[in-house]
N, C-alpha and C. Protein backbone atom coordinates (compact mmCIF):
# COMPACT_ATOMS: atom_id res chain seq x y z
N MET A 1 -15.08 -126.21 17.21
CA MET A 1 -13.81 -125.58 17.50
C MET A 1 -13.61 -125.57 19.01
N VAL A 2 -12.43 -125.93 19.44
CA VAL A 2 -12.09 -125.93 20.85
C VAL A 2 -11.56 -124.56 21.22
N GLU A 3 -12.14 -123.98 22.26
CA GLU A 3 -11.72 -122.65 22.70
C GLU A 3 -10.73 -122.79 23.84
N THR A 4 -9.66 -122.04 23.79
CA THR A 4 -8.66 -122.08 24.84
C THR A 4 -9.19 -121.41 26.09
N HIS A 5 -8.50 -121.65 27.20
CA HIS A 5 -8.89 -121.03 28.46
C HIS A 5 -8.88 -119.51 28.32
N ASP A 6 -7.81 -118.96 27.69
CA ASP A 6 -7.74 -117.52 27.48
C ASP A 6 -8.88 -117.03 26.60
N GLY A 7 -9.23 -117.82 25.59
CA GLY A 7 -10.35 -117.46 24.72
C GLY A 7 -11.66 -117.44 25.48
N THR A 8 -11.83 -118.39 26.38
CA THR A 8 -13.04 -118.43 27.20
C THR A 8 -13.08 -117.23 28.13
N LEU A 9 -11.96 -116.91 28.75
CA LEU A 9 -11.89 -115.73 29.62
C LEU A 9 -12.22 -114.47 28.84
N GLN A 10 -11.65 -114.37 27.66
CA GLN A 10 -11.89 -113.18 26.85
C GLN A 10 -13.36 -113.10 26.44
N SER A 11 -13.94 -114.22 26.09
CA SER A 11 -15.35 -114.26 25.72
C SER A 11 -16.24 -113.89 26.91
N ASP A 12 -15.91 -114.42 28.08
CA ASP A 12 -16.66 -114.08 29.30
C ASP A 12 -16.53 -112.60 29.63
N ALA A 13 -15.33 -112.07 29.48
CA ALA A 13 -15.10 -110.65 29.75
C ALA A 13 -15.86 -109.78 28.76
N ARG A 14 -15.85 -110.17 27.49
CA ARG A 14 -16.59 -109.43 26.46
C ARG A 14 -18.08 -109.40 26.80
N ALA A 15 -18.63 -110.53 27.21
CA ALA A 15 -20.05 -110.59 27.57
C ALA A 15 -20.35 -109.72 28.79
N ALA A 16 -19.45 -109.74 29.77
CA ALA A 16 -19.64 -108.93 30.98
C ALA A 16 -19.59 -107.44 30.66
N ILE A 17 -18.66 -107.03 29.82
CA ILE A 17 -18.53 -105.62 29.43
C ILE A 17 -19.78 -105.19 28.68
N ARG A 18 -20.18 -106.00 27.74
CA ARG A 18 -21.38 -105.69 26.93
C ARG A 18 -22.61 -105.57 27.83
N ALA A 19 -22.79 -106.51 28.76
CA ALA A 19 -23.94 -106.46 29.67
C ALA A 19 -23.89 -105.22 30.54
N PHE A 20 -22.69 -104.85 30.99
CA PHE A 20 -22.55 -103.64 31.81
C PHE A 20 -22.99 -102.40 31.03
N ILE A 21 -22.51 -102.28 29.80
CA ILE A 21 -22.86 -101.13 28.96
C ILE A 21 -24.36 -101.09 28.71
N LEU A 22 -24.94 -102.22 28.36
CA LEU A 22 -26.38 -102.25 28.09
C LEU A 22 -27.18 -101.94 29.35
N GLY A 23 -26.70 -102.38 30.51
CA GLY A 23 -27.38 -102.09 31.76
C GLY A 23 -27.34 -100.62 32.11
N ARG A 24 -26.30 -99.92 31.70
CA ARG A 24 -26.15 -98.49 31.95
C ARG A 24 -26.87 -97.63 30.92
N ASN A 25 -27.18 -98.21 29.77
CA ASN A 25 -27.79 -97.47 28.66
C ASN A 25 -29.04 -98.22 28.19
N LEU A 26 -30.09 -98.15 28.98
CA LEU A 26 -31.28 -98.96 28.71
C LEU A 26 -31.92 -98.69 27.35
N GLY A 27 -31.73 -97.51 26.79
CA GLY A 27 -32.31 -97.19 25.48
C GLY A 27 -31.45 -97.63 24.32
N LEU A 28 -30.30 -98.19 24.60
CA LEU A 28 -29.37 -98.61 23.57
C LEU A 28 -29.79 -99.96 23.00
N ALA A 29 -29.85 -100.05 21.68
CA ALA A 29 -30.21 -101.31 21.03
C ALA A 29 -29.10 -102.34 21.27
N PRO A 30 -29.44 -103.52 21.79
CA PRO A 30 -28.43 -104.54 22.09
C PRO A 30 -27.53 -104.88 20.91
N ASP A 31 -28.07 -104.90 19.71
CA ASP A 31 -27.25 -105.27 18.55
C ASP A 31 -26.30 -104.14 18.12
N SER A 32 -26.43 -102.96 18.74
CA SER A 32 -25.52 -101.87 18.41
C SER A 32 -24.23 -101.93 19.23
N VAL A 33 -24.18 -102.82 20.22
CA VAL A 33 -22.99 -102.97 21.07
C VAL A 33 -22.28 -104.25 20.66
N THR A 34 -21.16 -104.07 19.96
CA THR A 34 -20.41 -105.22 19.45
C THR A 34 -19.00 -105.20 20.03
N GLY A 35 -18.23 -106.17 19.69
CA GLY A 35 -16.85 -106.23 20.14
C GLY A 35 -16.03 -105.05 19.65
N GLN A 36 -16.45 -104.44 18.57
CA GLN A 36 -15.73 -103.30 18.00
C GLN A 36 -16.20 -101.95 18.55
N THR A 37 -17.22 -101.96 19.40
CA THR A 37 -17.72 -100.71 19.98
C THR A 37 -16.61 -100.06 20.81
N SER A 38 -16.31 -98.81 20.48
CA SER A 38 -15.29 -98.07 21.20
C SER A 38 -15.83 -97.59 22.54
N LEU A 39 -15.02 -97.74 23.57
CA LEU A 39 -15.40 -97.21 24.87
C LEU A 39 -14.87 -95.79 25.05
N VAL A 40 -14.18 -95.30 24.02
CA VAL A 40 -13.63 -93.95 24.04
C VAL A 40 -14.56 -92.99 23.30
N THR A 41 -15.03 -93.38 22.14
CA THR A 41 -15.77 -92.46 21.29
C THR A 41 -17.27 -92.73 21.21
N SER A 42 -17.75 -93.79 21.79
CA SER A 42 -19.16 -94.16 21.59
C SER A 42 -20.13 -93.53 22.59
N ASP A 43 -19.64 -92.89 23.63
CA ASP A 43 -20.50 -92.37 24.70
C ASP A 43 -21.21 -93.48 25.45
N ALA A 44 -20.72 -94.70 25.33
CA ALA A 44 -21.33 -95.83 26.03
C ALA A 44 -21.13 -95.70 27.54
N LEU A 45 -20.01 -95.09 27.94
CA LEU A 45 -19.70 -94.92 29.36
C LEU A 45 -19.13 -93.54 29.60
N ASP A 46 -19.49 -92.95 30.73
CA ASP A 46 -18.83 -91.73 31.16
C ASP A 46 -17.66 -92.12 32.08
N SER A 47 -16.98 -91.14 32.63
CA SER A 47 -15.80 -91.46 33.44
C SER A 47 -16.14 -92.28 34.68
N ILE A 48 -17.27 -92.01 35.29
CA ILE A 48 -17.70 -92.80 36.45
C ILE A 48 -18.05 -94.23 36.00
N GLY A 49 -18.66 -94.34 34.83
CA GLY A 49 -18.99 -95.65 34.28
C GLY A 49 -17.75 -96.49 34.03
N VAL A 50 -16.68 -95.85 33.56
CA VAL A 50 -15.41 -96.56 33.33
C VAL A 50 -14.88 -97.09 34.65
N LEU A 51 -14.88 -96.25 35.68
CA LEU A 51 -14.41 -96.69 37.00
C LEU A 51 -15.25 -97.83 37.53
N ASP A 52 -16.57 -97.69 37.43
CA ASP A 52 -17.47 -98.75 37.90
C ASP A 52 -17.25 -100.06 37.14
N LEU A 53 -17.08 -99.94 35.83
CA LEU A 53 -16.84 -101.12 35.00
C LEU A 53 -15.55 -101.81 35.42
N MET A 54 -14.49 -101.05 35.59
CA MET A 54 -13.21 -101.66 35.95
C MET A 54 -13.28 -102.31 37.33
N MET A 55 -13.97 -101.69 38.26
CA MET A 55 -14.12 -102.29 39.59
C MET A 55 -14.90 -103.61 39.48
N GLU A 56 -15.97 -103.59 38.70
CA GLU A 56 -16.77 -104.82 38.53
C GLU A 56 -15.95 -105.92 37.85
N LEU A 57 -15.20 -105.56 36.82
CA LEU A 57 -14.39 -106.57 36.12
C LEU A 57 -13.31 -107.12 37.04
N GLY A 58 -12.68 -106.26 37.82
CA GLY A 58 -11.66 -106.71 38.77
C GLY A 58 -12.23 -107.68 39.78
N ASP A 59 -13.40 -107.34 40.32
CA ASP A 59 -14.06 -108.22 41.29
C ASP A 59 -14.48 -109.54 40.64
N ARG A 60 -15.07 -109.43 39.49
CA ARG A 60 -15.61 -110.62 38.82
C ARG A 60 -14.53 -111.58 38.34
N PHE A 61 -13.45 -111.02 37.81
CA PHE A 61 -12.40 -111.85 37.22
C PHE A 61 -11.17 -111.98 38.10
N GLY A 62 -11.19 -111.38 39.28
CA GLY A 62 -10.16 -111.59 40.27
C GLY A 62 -8.80 -111.01 39.96
N PHE A 63 -8.77 -109.74 39.58
CA PHE A 63 -7.48 -109.09 39.41
C PHE A 63 -7.52 -107.71 40.04
N GLU A 64 -6.34 -107.22 40.40
CA GLU A 64 -6.20 -105.91 41.00
C GLU A 64 -6.24 -104.84 39.91
N ILE A 65 -6.93 -103.76 40.19
CA ILE A 65 -6.97 -102.62 39.26
C ILE A 65 -5.73 -101.79 39.53
N GLU A 66 -4.83 -101.77 38.56
CA GLU A 66 -3.59 -101.01 38.68
C GLU A 66 -3.62 -99.84 37.71
N GLU A 67 -2.64 -98.98 37.84
CA GLU A 67 -2.58 -97.77 37.02
C GLU A 67 -2.67 -98.07 35.53
N ASP A 68 -2.02 -99.13 35.06
CA ASP A 68 -2.03 -99.44 33.63
C ASP A 68 -3.40 -99.87 33.12
N ALA A 69 -4.31 -100.17 34.03
CA ALA A 69 -5.66 -100.59 33.62
C ALA A 69 -6.38 -99.50 32.83
N PHE A 70 -6.01 -98.26 33.07
CA PHE A 70 -6.73 -97.15 32.46
C PHE A 70 -6.03 -96.59 31.22
N ALA A 71 -5.11 -97.35 30.67
CA ALA A 71 -4.45 -96.93 29.43
C ALA A 71 -5.50 -96.85 28.32
N LEU A 72 -5.43 -95.78 27.55
CA LEU A 72 -6.41 -95.53 26.50
C LEU A 72 -6.55 -96.70 25.53
N ALA A 73 -5.47 -97.39 25.25
CA ALA A 73 -5.50 -98.51 24.30
C ALA A 73 -6.47 -99.61 24.74
N HIS A 74 -6.64 -99.79 26.05
CA HIS A 74 -7.55 -100.83 26.54
C HIS A 74 -9.01 -100.50 26.27
N PHE A 75 -9.31 -99.24 26.00
CA PHE A 75 -10.69 -98.81 25.82
C PHE A 75 -11.05 -98.51 24.37
N GLU A 76 -10.16 -98.87 23.46
CA GLU A 76 -10.43 -98.65 22.04
C GLU A 76 -11.62 -99.45 21.55
N SER A 77 -11.86 -100.59 22.18
CA SER A 77 -13.03 -101.41 21.83
C SER A 77 -13.34 -102.36 22.98
N ILE A 78 -14.52 -102.93 22.93
CA ILE A 78 -14.88 -103.95 23.92
C ILE A 78 -13.91 -105.12 23.81
N ASP A 79 -13.56 -105.51 22.58
CA ASP A 79 -12.62 -106.61 22.39
C ASP A 79 -11.26 -106.31 23.01
N ALA A 80 -10.79 -105.07 22.87
CA ALA A 80 -9.49 -104.69 23.45
C ALA A 80 -9.53 -104.78 24.98
N LEU A 81 -10.61 -104.30 25.57
CA LEU A 81 -10.71 -104.36 27.02
C LEU A 81 -10.86 -105.81 27.49
N ALA A 82 -11.60 -106.62 26.76
CA ALA A 82 -11.76 -108.03 27.10
C ALA A 82 -10.41 -108.75 27.04
N ALA A 83 -9.59 -108.43 26.05
CA ALA A 83 -8.25 -109.03 25.94
C ALA A 83 -7.39 -108.61 27.12
N TYR A 84 -7.50 -107.35 27.53
CA TYR A 84 -6.74 -106.88 28.69
C TYR A 84 -7.17 -107.64 29.95
N VAL A 85 -8.48 -107.78 30.15
CA VAL A 85 -9.00 -108.49 31.32
C VAL A 85 -8.49 -109.93 31.33
N ALA A 86 -8.56 -110.59 30.18
CA ALA A 86 -8.08 -111.98 30.10
C ALA A 86 -6.59 -112.07 30.41
N SER A 87 -5.81 -111.10 29.95
CA SER A 87 -4.37 -111.13 30.23
C SER A 87 -4.08 -110.88 31.70
N ARG A 88 -4.83 -110.01 32.33
CA ARG A 88 -4.65 -109.72 33.76
C ARG A 88 -5.06 -110.91 34.60
N ARG A 89 -6.14 -111.56 34.22
CA ARG A 89 -6.61 -112.73 34.96
C ARG A 89 -5.61 -113.86 34.85
N HIS A 90 -5.02 -113.97 33.68
CA HIS A 90 -4.03 -115.03 33.45
C HIS A 90 -2.79 -114.81 34.32
N GLN A 91 -2.46 -113.54 34.59
CA GLN A 91 -1.30 -113.21 35.42
C GLN A 91 -1.58 -113.40 36.91
N ALA A 92 -2.85 -113.30 37.29
CA ALA A 92 -3.20 -113.36 38.71
C ALA A 92 -3.01 -114.74 39.30
């Protein structure tokens, strides 16, 4: 299957988010962090962790962190945040 550029960006963003969460939660089993893991209800990140994650994603994927970046809908899952990152990168 051929993956589109946006699909590749989203996949890269998903991997970066997952690695960030696992790096912050060393006792967390890697297979417990999936694309459906909520960043709102899972306790995977605290408020400082969310800020750090967004700064890292902005730096890594080359987009400005704007007010809409912190909309609750973007943090419903790793997949949702990865889709947001891919859309922001595509706009940049």
